Amino acid sequence: MNDKLTQIAKLLPDSLSETGLQEVLKMVNAAIEERVSAEVKLMETKVSGFLRTKIADLKEVAKKEVESDDEILRGYRIFESIRAMVAAEVETSDVDSKIAQQAAELGELQESLAAVNQRLSNSLHENTMLSGKVESLNEENVQLAENAKLPFKSSESAVVITNETDSSRPSREAANNIFLTEDVINLSKQEVLKD
């Protein structure tokens, strides 16, 4: 982009021709499009990478939620737990401790599910924010493209300096100010030139 700016600076002489103006406009358009496309590609890469990681997390959360909400699956797990306890011929005290252990595991699973739900909520919020940023970048891209189509206007002005001191013609400064005579103005111009 610095090469483009250097080329633009070289094309801007004191008196700008129509051809030079067209060349500057083409180079500015090329630089803007290059920068915008690079930013869009970077943002798309970041968003797609983020979404890939979040989709894997969402699949895992969905699987766990389906397993926890399915009554048949939960009943089957409880049945398998009871059958395992009966098959091992555990004593009643062991059954109570096993039930307490199962209750503790169930509590841990519920806490884990709450944490996963919180992560899912945060992910959805982040996705919404990223979608808003992408829309904002697209709008900025459209605005930049529209601004690039507008004609270039120069704000430069020229000042003509001369060494002529024709005291027969009153200067603009003398005509507008009754206290300044032409001799005073010429004297001040000579003092400026000496410095």
N, C-alpha and C. Protein backbone atom coordinates (compact mmCIF):
# COMPACT_ATOMS: atom_id res chain seq x y z
N MET A 1 0.83 -1.19 0.00
CA MET A 1 0.00 0.00 0.00
C MET A 1 0.87 1.25 0.00
N ASN A 2 2.05 1.19 0.65
CA ASN A 2 2.95 2.33 0.63
C ASN A 2 3.45 2.62 -0.77
N ASP A 3 3.66 1.54 -1.58
CA ASP A 3 4.07 1.73 -2.96
C ASP A 3 3.00 2.50 -3.72
N LYS A 4 1.75 2.18 -3.48
CA LYS A 4 0.65 2.88 -4.14
C LYS A 4 0.64 4.35 -3.75
N LEU A 5 0.83 4.62 -2.46
CA LEU A 5 0.82 6.01 -1.99
C LEU A 5 1.98 6.80 -2.58
N THR A 6 3.12 6.14 -2.72
CA THR A 6 4.28 6.81 -3.33
C THR A 6 3.98 7.12 -4.79
N GLN A 7 3.37 6.19 -5.49
CA GLN A 7 3.01 6.43 -6.88
C GLN A 7 2.00 7.56 -7.00
N ILE A 8 1.04 7.59 -6.10
CA ILE A 8 0.05 8.67 -6.10
C ILE A 8 0.73 10.01 -5.87
N ALA A 9 1.64 10.07 -4.95
CA ALA A 9 2.35 11.32 -4.65
C ALA A 9 3.16 11.79 -5.85
N LYS A 10 3.75 10.87 -6.60
CA LYS A 10 4.54 11.24 -7.78
C LYS A 10 3.64 11.79 -8.88
N LEU A 11 2.39 11.32 -8.94
CA LEU A 11 1.47 11.76 -9.99
C LEU A 11 0.79 13.08 -9.68
N LEU A 12 1.01 13.66 -8.54
CA LEU A 12 0.32 14.89 -8.16
C LEU A 12 1.23 16.11 -8.34
N PRO A 13 1.32 16.65 -9.54
CA PRO A 13 2.09 17.89 -9.75
C PRO A 13 1.28 19.09 -9.30
N ASP A 14 1.89 20.27 -9.42
CA ASP A 14 1.20 21.49 -9.01
C ASP A 14 -0.04 21.73 -9.83
N SER A 15 0.03 21.51 -11.13
CA SER A 15 -1.15 21.68 -11.99
C SER A 15 -1.58 20.28 -12.41
N LEU A 16 -2.72 19.84 -11.92
CA LEU A 16 -3.20 18.48 -12.13
C LEU A 16 -4.01 18.41 -13.42
N SER A 17 -3.62 17.54 -14.35
CA SER A 17 -4.37 17.39 -15.59
C SER A 17 -5.47 16.36 -15.39
N GLU A 18 -6.37 16.29 -16.35
CA GLU A 18 -7.48 15.33 -16.26
C GLU A 18 -6.95 13.89 -16.30
N THR A 19 -5.93 13.65 -17.13
CA THR A 19 -5.35 12.31 -17.23
C THR A 19 -4.69 11.92 -15.91
N GLY A 20 -3.95 12.84 -15.35
CA GLY A 20 -3.31 12.58 -14.05
C GLY A 20 -4.35 12.31 -12.98
N LEU A 21 -5.42 13.05 -13.00
CA LEU A 21 -6.51 12.85 -12.04
C LEU A 21 -7.12 11.46 -12.20
N GLN A 22 -7.30 11.01 -13.44
CA GLN A 22 -7.85 9.67 -13.68
C GLN A 22 -6.88 8.60 -13.18
N GLU A 23 -5.58 8.80 -13.38
CA GLU A 23 -4.60 7.84 -12.90
C GLU A 23 -4.62 7.75 -11.37
N VAL A 24 -4.72 8.90 -10.73
CA VAL A 24 -4.78 8.93 -9.25
C VAL A 24 -6.03 8.20 -8.79
N LEU A 25 -7.15 8.45 -9.43
CA LEU A 25 -8.41 7.80 -9.06
C LEU A 25 -8.31 6.28 -9.22
N LYS A 26 -7.71 5.81 -10.32
CA LYS A 26 -7.56 4.37 -10.53
C LYS A 26 -6.69 3.74 -9.45
N MET A 27 -5.61 4.42 -9.11
CA MET A 27 -4.70 3.86 -8.10
C MET A 27 -5.34 3.85 -6.71
N VAL A 28 -6.09 4.90 -6.40
CA VAL A 28 -6.78 4.95 -5.10
C VAL A 28 -7.83 3.84 -5.03
N ASN A 29 -8.57 3.66 -6.12
CA ASN A 29 -9.56 2.58 -6.16
C ASN A 29 -8.90 1.22 -5.97
N ALA A 30 -7.78 0.99 -6.65
CA ALA A 30 -7.08 -0.29 -6.52
C ALA A 30 -6.59 -0.51 -5.10
N ALA A 31 -6.06 0.53 -4.48
CA ALA A 31 -5.56 0.40 -3.11
C ALA A 31 -6.71 0.12 -2.14
N ILE A 32 -7.83 0.79 -2.32
CA ILE A 32 -8.98 0.58 -1.43
C ILE A 32 -9.52 -0.83 -1.60
N GLU A 33 -9.69 -1.28 -2.84
CA GLU A 33 -10.21 -2.62 -3.06
C GLU A 33 -9.26 -3.68 -2.52
N GLU A 34 -7.98 -3.47 -2.65
CA GLU A 34 -7.00 -4.43 -2.14
C GLU A 34 -7.09 -4.54 -0.61
N ARG A 35 -7.17 -3.39 0.03
CA ARG A 35 -7.25 -3.38 1.50
C ARG A 35 -8.55 -3.99 2.00
N VAL A 36 -9.66 -3.63 1.36
CA VAL A 36 -10.97 -4.14 1.79
C VAL A 36 -11.03 -5.65 1.60
N SER A 37 -10.55 -6.16 0.46
CA SER A 37 -10.60 -7.60 0.23
C SER A 37 -9.72 -8.34 1.24
N ALA A 38 -8.58 -7.77 1.60
CA ALA A 38 -7.71 -8.41 2.61
C ALA A 38 -8.41 -8.46 3.96
N GLU A 39 -9.08 -7.36 4.35
CA GLU A 39 -9.77 -7.32 5.64
C GLU A 39 -10.95 -8.29 5.65
N VAL A 40 -11.69 -8.37 4.54
CA VAL A 40 -12.84 -9.27 4.47
C VAL A 40 -12.37 -10.72 4.56
N LYS A 41 -11.28 -11.07 3.86
CA LYS A 41 -10.76 -12.43 3.93
C LYS A 41 -10.33 -12.78 5.35
N LEU A 42 -9.67 -11.85 6.01
CA LEU A 42 -9.23 -12.09 7.39
C LEU A 42 -10.42 -12.30 8.31
N MET A 43 -11.45 -11.45 8.16
CA MET A 43 -12.63 -11.58 9.01
C MET A 43 -13.36 -12.90 8.73
N GLU A 44 -13.46 -13.29 7.45
CA GLU A 44 -14.12 -14.55 7.12
C GLU A 44 -13.37 -15.74 7.71
N THR A 45 -12.05 -15.68 7.67
CA THR A 45 -11.26 -16.76 8.24
C THR A 45 -11.48 -16.87 9.75
N LYS A 46 -11.49 -15.72 10.41
CA LYS A 46 -11.70 -15.73 11.87
C LYS A 46 -13.09 -16.25 12.22
N VAL A 47 -14.09 -15.78 11.49
CA VAL A 47 -15.47 -16.19 11.78
C VAL A 47 -15.66 -17.67 11.52
N SER A 48 -15.13 -18.18 10.39
CA SER A 48 -15.32 -19.60 10.09
C SER A 48 -14.59 -20.48 11.11
N GLY A 49 -13.40 -20.08 11.53
CA GLY A 49 -12.68 -20.83 12.56
C GLY A 49 -13.43 -20.83 13.88
N PHE A 50 -13.96 -19.67 14.25
CA PHE A 50 -14.74 -19.57 15.48
C PHE A 50 -15.97 -20.44 15.41
N LEU A 51 -16.67 -20.39 14.28
CA LEU A 51 -17.90 -21.18 14.14
C LEU A 51 -17.61 -22.67 14.16
N ARG A 52 -16.50 -23.09 13.56
CA ARG A 52 -16.16 -24.51 13.59
C ARG A 52 -15.98 -25.02 15.02
N THR A 53 -15.28 -24.25 15.84
CA THR A 53 -15.08 -24.68 17.23
C THR A 53 -16.39 -24.67 18.00
N LYS A 54 -17.22 -23.66 17.74
CA LYS A 54 -18.48 -23.58 18.47
C LYS A 54 -19.46 -24.66 18.03
N ILE A 55 -19.43 -25.06 16.76
CA ILE A 55 -20.32 -26.12 16.28
C ILE A 55 -19.98 -27.44 16.97
N ALA A 56 -18.69 -27.73 17.14
CA ALA A 56 -18.30 -28.96 17.84
C ALA A 56 -18.80 -28.92 19.28
N ASP A 57 -18.67 -27.77 19.94
CA ASP A 57 -19.18 -27.64 21.32
C ASP A 57 -20.69 -27.81 21.36
N LEU A 58 -21.38 -27.21 20.40
CA LEU A 58 -22.84 -27.30 20.37
C LEU A 58 -23.31 -28.73 20.14
N LYS A 59 -22.60 -29.48 19.30
CA LYS A 59 -22.96 -30.88 19.07
C LYS A 59 -22.84 -31.68 20.37
N GLU A 60 -21.76 -31.45 21.09
CA GLU A 60 -21.55 -32.18 22.35
C GLU A 60 -22.63 -31.83 23.36
N VAL A 61 -22.94 -30.54 23.44
CA VAL A 61 -23.99 -30.09 24.39
C VAL A 61 -25.33 -30.68 23.99
N ALA A 62 -25.65 -30.67 22.71
CA ALA A 62 -26.93 -31.21 22.24
C ALA A 62 -27.03 -32.70 22.55
N LYS A 63 -25.94 -33.42 22.36
CA LYS A 63 -25.93 -34.86 22.65
C LYS A 63 -26.19 -35.11 24.14
N LYS A 64 -25.53 -34.34 24.99
CA LYS A 64 -25.73 -34.52 26.43
C LYS A 64 -27.14 -34.14 26.85
N GLU A 65 -27.69 -33.09 26.24
CA GLU A 65 -29.05 -32.69 26.59
C GLU A 65 -30.07 -33.73 26.15
N VAL A 66 -29.86 -34.30 24.97
CA VAL A 66 -30.78 -35.35 24.50
C VAL A 66 -30.72 -36.54 25.43
N GLU A 67 -29.51 -36.91 25.83
CA GLU A 67 -29.37 -38.04 26.74
C GLU A 67 -29.99 -37.76 28.10
N SER A 68 -29.88 -36.52 28.58
CA SER A 68 -30.43 -36.23 29.91
C SER A 68 -31.95 -36.07 29.86
N ASP A 69 -32.51 -35.65 28.72
CA ASP A 69 -33.96 -35.45 28.61
C ASP A 69 -34.71 -36.70 28.21
N ASP A 70 -34.03 -37.69 27.65
CA ASP A 70 -34.71 -38.90 27.18
C ASP A 70 -35.05 -39.80 28.38
N GLU A 71 -36.33 -39.97 28.63
CA GLU A 71 -36.80 -40.77 29.78
C GLU A 71 -36.43 -42.24 29.63
N ILE A 72 -36.54 -42.77 28.43
CA ILE A 72 -36.23 -44.19 28.21
C ILE A 72 -34.75 -44.45 28.47
N LEU A 73 -33.91 -43.58 27.95
CA LEU A 73 -32.47 -43.76 28.16
C LEU A 73 -32.10 -43.64 29.63
N ARG A 74 -32.72 -42.67 30.31
CA ARG A 74 -32.45 -42.51 31.73
C ARG A 74 -32.95 -43.72 32.53
N GLY A 75 -34.14 -44.22 32.14
CA GLY A 75 -34.68 -45.42 32.82
C GLY A 75 -33.79 -46.63 32.59
N TYR A 76 -33.25 -46.74 31.39
CA TYR A 76 -32.35 -47.86 31.09
C TYR A 76 -31.08 -47.76 31.93
N ARG A 77 -30.55 -46.56 32.07
CA ARG A 77 -29.33 -46.40 32.89
C ARG A 77 -29.61 -46.74 34.35
N ILE A 78 -30.76 -46.31 34.84
CA ILE A 78 -31.11 -46.62 36.24
C ILE A 78 -31.27 -48.13 36.40
N PHE A 79 -31.93 -48.75 35.42
CA PHE A 79 -32.11 -50.21 35.47
C PHE A 79 -30.77 -50.92 35.49
N GLU A 80 -29.83 -50.48 34.63
CA GLU A 80 -28.50 -51.09 34.58
C GLU A 80 -27.76 -50.89 35.90
N SER A 81 -27.93 -49.74 36.50
CA SER A 81 -27.27 -49.49 37.79
C SER A 81 -27.84 -50.42 38.86
N ILE A 82 -29.17 -50.57 38.88
CA ILE A 82 -29.80 -51.46 39.89
C ILE A 82 -29.40 -52.90 39.64
N ARG A 83 -29.40 -53.32 38.38
CA ARG A 83 -29.04 -54.70 38.05
C ARG A 83 -27.60 -54.98 38.45
N ALA A 84 -26.71 -54.01 38.24
CA ALA A 84 -25.32 -54.20 38.64
C ALA A 84 -25.20 -54.35 40.15
N MET A 85 -26.02 -53.56 40.87
CA MET A 85 -25.97 -53.67 42.34
C MET A 85 -26.50 -55.01 42.81
N VAL A 86 -27.59 -55.47 42.20
CA VAL A 86 -28.17 -56.76 42.61
C VAL A 86 -27.23 -57.90 42.22
N ALA A 87 -26.62 -57.81 41.05
CA ALA A 87 -25.74 -58.87 40.58
C ALA A 87 -24.53 -59.01 41.49
N ALA A 88 -24.10 -57.93 42.06
CA ALA A 88 -22.93 -57.99 42.94
C ALA A 88 -23.33 -58.38 44.35
N GLU A 89 -24.64 -58.56 44.60
CA GLU A 89 -25.17 -58.94 45.91
C GLU A 89 -24.61 -58.04 47.02
N VAL A 90 -24.85 -56.77 46.82
CA VAL A 90 -24.36 -55.82 47.80
C VAL A 90 -25.29 -55.79 49.00
N GLU A 91 -24.78 -55.39 50.09
CA GLU A 91 -25.57 -55.27 51.30
C GLU A 91 -26.38 -53.99 51.26
N THR A 92 -27.36 -53.87 52.16
CA THR A 92 -28.23 -52.70 52.17
C THR A 92 -27.47 -51.41 52.47
N SER A 93 -26.46 -51.50 53.30
CA SER A 93 -25.67 -50.30 53.59
C SER A 93 -24.91 -49.85 52.34
N ASP A 94 -24.45 -50.84 51.58
CA ASP A 94 -23.75 -50.51 50.34
C ASP A 94 -24.70 -49.89 49.32
N VAL A 95 -25.97 -50.38 49.36
CA VAL A 95 -26.97 -49.80 48.45
C VAL A 95 -27.17 -48.33 48.77
N ASP A 96 -27.27 -48.02 50.07
CA ASP A 96 -27.45 -46.62 50.47
C ASP A 96 -26.25 -45.76 50.05
N SER A 97 -25.05 -46.29 50.24
CA SER A 97 -23.88 -45.52 49.84
C SER A 97 -23.82 -45.38 48.31
N LYS A 98 -24.25 -46.43 47.61
CA LYS A 98 -24.26 -46.36 46.16
C LYS A 98 -25.30 -45.33 45.69
N ILE A 99 -26.45 -45.28 46.36
CA ILE A 99 -27.48 -44.29 46.02
C ILE A 99 -26.96 -42.88 46.31
N ALA A 100 -26.26 -42.72 47.43
CA ALA A 100 -25.68 -41.42 47.76
C ALA A 100 -24.63 -41.02 46.72
N GLN A 101 -23.83 -42.01 46.30
CA GLN A 101 -22.83 -41.74 45.29
C GLN A 101 -23.49 -41.35 43.96
N GLN A 102 -24.55 -42.08 43.60
CA GLN A 102 -25.29 -41.76 42.37
C GLN A 102 -25.91 -40.37 42.46
N ALA A 103 -26.44 -40.02 43.65
CA ALA A 103 -27.02 -38.69 43.83
C ALA A 103 -25.96 -37.61 43.69
N ALA A 104 -24.77 -37.88 44.24
CA ALA A 104 -23.67 -36.91 44.11
C ALA A 104 -23.26 -36.76 42.64
N GLU A 105 -23.16 -37.90 41.93
CA GLU A 105 -22.82 -37.84 40.50
C GLU A 105 -23.89 -37.10 39.71
N LEU A 106 -25.15 -37.34 40.09
CA LEU A 106 -26.25 -36.65 39.41
C LEU A 106 -26.16 -35.14 39.65
N GLY A 107 -25.83 -34.75 40.88
CA GLY A 107 -25.66 -33.33 41.18
C GLY A 107 -24.53 -32.72 40.37
N GLU A 108 -23.42 -33.48 40.27
CA GLU A 108 -22.29 -32.98 39.46
C GLU A 108 -22.68 -32.84 38.00
N LEU A 109 -23.43 -33.82 37.50
CA LEU A 109 -23.88 -33.76 36.10
C LEU A 109 -24.80 -32.56 35.87
N GLN A 110 -25.67 -32.28 36.84
CA GLN A 110 -26.56 -31.13 36.70
C GLN A 110 -25.76 -29.82 36.70
N GLU A 111 -24.75 -29.73 37.56
CA GLU A 111 -23.90 -28.55 37.56
C GLU A 111 -23.15 -28.41 36.23
N SER A 112 -22.65 -29.55 35.73
CA SER A 112 -21.95 -29.55 34.45
C SER A 112 -22.90 -29.11 33.33
N LEU A 113 -24.13 -29.58 33.38
CA LEU A 113 -25.12 -29.20 32.36
C LEU A 113 -25.42 -27.70 32.44
N ALA A 114 -25.52 -27.17 33.65
CA ALA A 114 -25.76 -25.73 33.82
C ALA A 114 -24.58 -24.93 33.24
N ALA A 115 -23.36 -25.40 33.47
CA ALA A 115 -22.18 -24.72 32.94
C ALA A 115 -22.18 -24.77 31.41
N VAL A 116 -22.55 -25.93 30.86
CA VAL A 116 -22.60 -26.07 29.40
C VAL A 116 -23.68 -25.15 28.82
N ASN A 117 -24.82 -25.08 29.50
CA ASN A 117 -25.88 -24.18 29.05
C ASN A 117 -25.40 -22.73 29.06
N GLN A 118 -24.64 -22.36 30.07
CA GLN A 118 -24.10 -21.00 30.14
C GLN A 118 -23.13 -20.75 28.99
N ARG A 119 -22.28 -21.74 28.70
CA ARG A 119 -21.35 -21.61 27.58
C ARG A 119 -22.10 -21.48 26.26
N LEU A 120 -23.17 -22.26 26.12
CA LEU A 120 -23.98 -22.19 24.91
C LEU A 120 -24.60 -20.80 24.76
N SER A 121 -25.11 -20.27 25.86
CA SER A 121 -25.70 -18.93 25.83
C SER A 121 -24.65 -17.89 25.45
N ASN A 122 -23.47 -18.01 26.03
CA ASN A 122 -22.38 -17.07 25.69
C ASN A 122 -21.98 -17.20 24.22
N SER A 123 -21.93 -18.44 23.73
CA SER A 123 -21.57 -18.65 22.32
C SER A 123 -22.59 -18.03 21.39
N LEU A 124 -23.87 -18.19 21.72
CA LEU A 124 -24.91 -17.59 20.89
C LEU A 124 -24.80 -16.07 20.91
N HIS A 125 -24.49 -15.52 22.07
CA HIS A 125 -24.32 -14.06 22.18
C HIS A 125 -23.13 -13.60 21.33
N GLU A 126 -22.02 -14.34 21.40
CA GLU A 126 -20.84 -14.00 20.61
C GLU A 126 -21.14 -14.09 19.11
N ASN A 127 -21.90 -15.12 18.73
CA ASN A 127 -22.27 -15.27 17.31
C ASN A 127 -23.09 -14.08 16.84
N THR A 128 -24.00 -13.62 17.69
CA THR A 128 -24.82 -12.47 17.34
C THR A 128 -23.94 -11.23 17.17
N MET A 129 -22.99 -11.05 18.09
CA MET A 129 -22.09 -9.90 17.99
C MET A 129 -21.23 -9.98 16.73
N LEU A 130 -20.71 -11.16 16.42
CA LEU A 130 -19.89 -11.32 15.23
C LEU A 130 -20.70 -11.07 13.96
N SER A 131 -21.93 -11.52 13.97
CA SER A 131 -22.80 -11.27 12.81
C SER A 131 -23.01 -9.77 12.62
N GLY A 132 -23.21 -9.04 13.72
CA GLY A 132 -23.35 -7.58 13.64
C GLY A 132 -22.09 -6.93 13.11
N LYS A 133 -20.92 -7.42 13.54
CA LYS A 133 -19.66 -6.85 13.05
C LYS A 133 -19.48 -7.11 11.57
N VAL A 134 -19.85 -8.31 11.12
CA VAL A 134 -19.73 -8.63 9.69
C VAL A 134 -20.64 -7.71 8.88
N GLU A 135 -21.87 -7.49 9.36
CA GLU A 135 -22.78 -6.58 8.67
C GLU A 135 -22.20 -5.17 8.63
N SER A 136 -21.61 -4.73 9.74
CA SER A 136 -21.01 -3.40 9.80
C SER A 136 -19.85 -3.29 8.81
N LEU A 137 -19.01 -4.31 8.73
CA LEU A 137 -17.89 -4.30 7.79
C LEU A 137 -18.39 -4.28 6.34
N ASN A 138 -19.46 -5.02 6.07
CA ASN A 138 -20.02 -5.01 4.72
C ASN A 138 -20.55 -3.63 4.37
N GLU A 139 -21.20 -2.95 5.33
CA GLU A 139 -21.69 -1.60 5.08
C GLU A 139 -20.53 -0.64 4.84
N GLU A 140 -19.47 -0.77 5.62
CA GLU A 140 -18.29 0.08 5.43
C GLU A 140 -17.67 -0.17 4.06
N ASN A 141 -17.66 -1.43 3.65
CA ASN A 141 -17.13 -1.79 2.34
C ASN A 141 -17.93 -1.11 1.24
N VAL A 142 -19.25 -1.12 1.36
CA VAL A 142 -20.11 -0.47 0.36
C VAL A 142 -19.84 1.03 0.36
N GLN A 143 -19.71 1.63 1.54
CA GLN A 143 -19.44 3.07 1.63
C GLN A 143 -18.09 3.41 1.01
N LEU A 144 -17.08 2.60 1.27
CA LEU A 144 -15.76 2.84 0.69
C LEU A 144 -15.81 2.72 -0.84
N ALA A 145 -16.55 1.75 -1.33
CA ALA A 145 -16.67 1.59 -2.78
C ALA A 145 -17.38 2.79 -3.39
N GLU A 146 -18.42 3.30 -2.70
CA GLU A 146 -19.14 4.47 -3.21
C GLU A 146 -18.25 5.71 -3.16
N ASN A 147 -17.49 5.87 -2.09
CA ASN A 147 -16.59 7.03 -1.96
C ASN A 147 -15.48 6.97 -3.02
N ALA A 148 -15.07 5.77 -3.37
CA ALA A 148 -14.01 5.64 -4.38
C ALA A 148 -14.51 6.05 -5.76
N LYS A 149 -15.82 5.96 -5.99
CA LYS A 149 -16.38 6.34 -7.29
C LYS A 149 -16.54 7.85 -7.43
N LEU A 150 -16.52 8.59 -6.32
CA LEU A 150 -16.68 10.04 -6.39
C LEU A 150 -15.45 10.69 -7.00
N PRO A 151 -15.61 11.81 -7.73
CA PRO A 151 -14.45 12.47 -8.35
C PRO A 151 -13.57 13.12 -7.29
N PHE A 152 -12.28 13.22 -7.61
CA PHE A 152 -11.29 13.80 -6.69
C PHE A 152 -11.35 15.31 -6.79
N LYS A 153 -11.44 16.00 -5.64
CA LYS A 153 -11.45 17.46 -5.62
C LYS A 153 -10.24 17.94 -4.84
N SER A 154 -9.52 18.89 -5.43
CA SER A 154 -8.32 19.44 -4.80
C SER A 154 -8.69 20.67 -3.99
N SER A 155 -8.07 20.82 -2.85
CA SER A 155 -8.32 22.00 -2.01
C SER A 155 -7.14 22.97 -2.07
N GLU A 156 -6.24 22.79 -3.03
CA GLU A 156 -5.07 23.66 -3.15
C GLU A 156 -5.43 24.95 -3.87
N SER A 157 -4.74 26.03 -3.53
CA SER A 157 -4.93 27.31 -4.23
C SER A 157 -3.54 27.89 -4.52
N ALA A 158 -3.46 28.73 -5.54
CA ALA A 158 -2.17 29.29 -5.96
C ALA A 158 -2.05 30.74 -5.52
N VAL A 159 -0.84 31.13 -5.17
CA VAL A 159 -0.55 32.52 -4.78
C VAL A 159 0.55 33.01 -5.71
N VAL A 160 0.33 34.16 -6.33
CA VAL A 160 1.31 34.72 -7.26
C VAL A 160 2.13 35.78 -6.51
N ILE A 161 3.45 35.63 -6.56
CA ILE A 161 4.35 36.56 -5.89
C ILE A 161 5.16 37.27 -6.98
N THR A 162 5.26 38.57 -6.89
CA THR A 162 6.00 39.33 -7.89
C THR A 162 6.93 40.32 -7.20
N ASN A 163 7.98 40.71 -7.90
CA ASN A 163 8.92 41.69 -7.36
C ASN A 163 8.59 43.11 -7.83
N GLU A 164 7.58 43.25 -8.64
CA GLU A 164 7.22 44.56 -9.15
C GLU A 164 6.64 45.41 -8.02
N THR A 165 7.09 46.62 -7.96
CA THR A 165 6.56 47.56 -6.96
C THR A 165 6.07 48.79 -7.71
N ASP A 166 4.99 48.65 -8.38
CA ASP A 166 4.41 49.74 -9.16
C ASP A 166 3.56 50.58 -8.22
N SER A 167 4.10 51.72 -7.79
CA SER A 167 3.39 52.55 -6.82
C SER A 167 2.30 53.38 -7.48
N SER A 168 2.23 53.37 -8.81
CA SER A 168 1.18 54.15 -9.47
C SER A 168 -0.16 53.42 -9.35
N ARG A 169 -0.13 52.06 -9.22
CA ARG A 169 -1.36 51.30 -9.05
C ARG A 169 -1.58 51.05 -7.56
N PRO A 170 -2.72 51.40 -7.02
CA PRO A 170 -2.93 51.09 -5.61
C PRO A 170 -3.19 49.60 -5.45
N SER A 171 -2.59 49.01 -4.40
CA SER A 171 -2.80 47.59 -4.15
C SER A 171 -4.15 47.37 -3.49
N ARG A 172 -4.56 46.10 -3.40
CA ARG A 172 -5.84 45.78 -2.75
C ARG A 172 -5.81 46.17 -1.27
N GLU A 173 -4.64 45.96 -0.64
CA GLU A 173 -4.55 46.29 0.78
C GLU A 173 -4.74 47.80 0.98
N ALA A 174 -4.15 48.59 0.10
CA ALA A 174 -4.26 50.04 0.24
C ALA A 174 -5.67 50.51 -0.07
N ALA A 175 -6.32 49.89 -1.00
CA ALA A 175 -7.68 50.30 -1.37
C ALA A 175 -8.66 50.02 -0.24
N ASN A 176 -8.44 48.94 0.51
CA ASN A 176 -9.37 48.56 1.57
C ASN A 176 -9.06 49.21 2.91
N ASN A 177 -7.88 49.81 3.05
CA ASN A 177 -7.49 50.37 4.34
C ASN A 177 -7.04 51.82 4.12
N ILE A 178 -7.76 52.75 4.68
CA ILE A 178 -7.45 54.16 4.45
C ILE A 178 -6.20 54.62 5.19
N PHE A 179 -5.75 53.87 6.20
CA PHE A 179 -4.58 54.26 6.97
C PHE A 179 -3.27 53.82 6.33
N LEU A 180 -3.36 52.88 5.41
CA LEU A 180 -2.15 52.40 4.74
C LEU A 180 -1.99 53.13 3.42
N THR A 181 -0.86 53.74 3.26
CA THR A 181 -0.56 54.37 1.96
C THR A 181 0.26 53.40 1.16
N GLU A 182 0.38 53.64 -0.10
CA GLU A 182 1.13 52.75 -0.98
C GLU A 182 2.60 52.70 -0.58
N ASP A 183 3.14 53.82 -0.10
CA ASP A 183 4.55 53.85 0.32
C ASP A 183 4.77 52.99 1.55
N VAL A 184 3.83 52.99 2.49
CA VAL A 184 3.96 52.17 3.71
C VAL A 184 3.93 50.69 3.34
N ILE A 185 3.06 50.33 2.42
CA ILE A 185 2.96 48.92 2.01
C ILE A 185 4.24 48.50 1.31
N ASN A 186 4.78 49.33 0.40
CA ASN A 186 6.02 49.00 -0.30
C ASN A 186 7.18 48.88 0.68
N LEU A 187 7.23 49.75 1.68
CA LEU A 187 8.29 49.70 2.68
C LEU A 187 8.22 48.38 3.46
N SER A 188 7.01 47.96 3.85
CA SER A 188 6.88 46.72 4.61
C SER A 188 7.25 45.51 3.74
N LYS A 189 6.97 45.56 2.45
CA LYS A 189 7.34 44.46 1.55
C LYS A 189 8.86 44.37 1.43
N GLN A 190 9.54 45.52 1.38
CA GLN A 190 11.00 45.52 1.27
C GLN A 190 11.62 44.97 2.54
N GLU A 191 11.03 45.26 3.72
CA GLU A 191 11.55 44.75 4.98
C GLU A 191 11.41 43.23 5.05
N VAL A 192 10.28 42.73 4.52
CA VAL A 192 10.07 41.28 4.52
C VAL A 192 11.08 40.60 3.61
N LEU A 193 11.35 41.18 2.46
CA LEU A 193 12.29 40.59 1.53
C LEU A 193 13.72 40.57 2.07
N LYS A 194 14.08 41.56 2.88
CA LYS A 194 15.43 41.59 3.47
C LYS A 194 15.63 40.47 4.45
N ASP A 195 14.59 40.15 5.19
CA ASP A 195 14.70 39.08 6.20
C ASP A 195 14.77 37.76 5.49
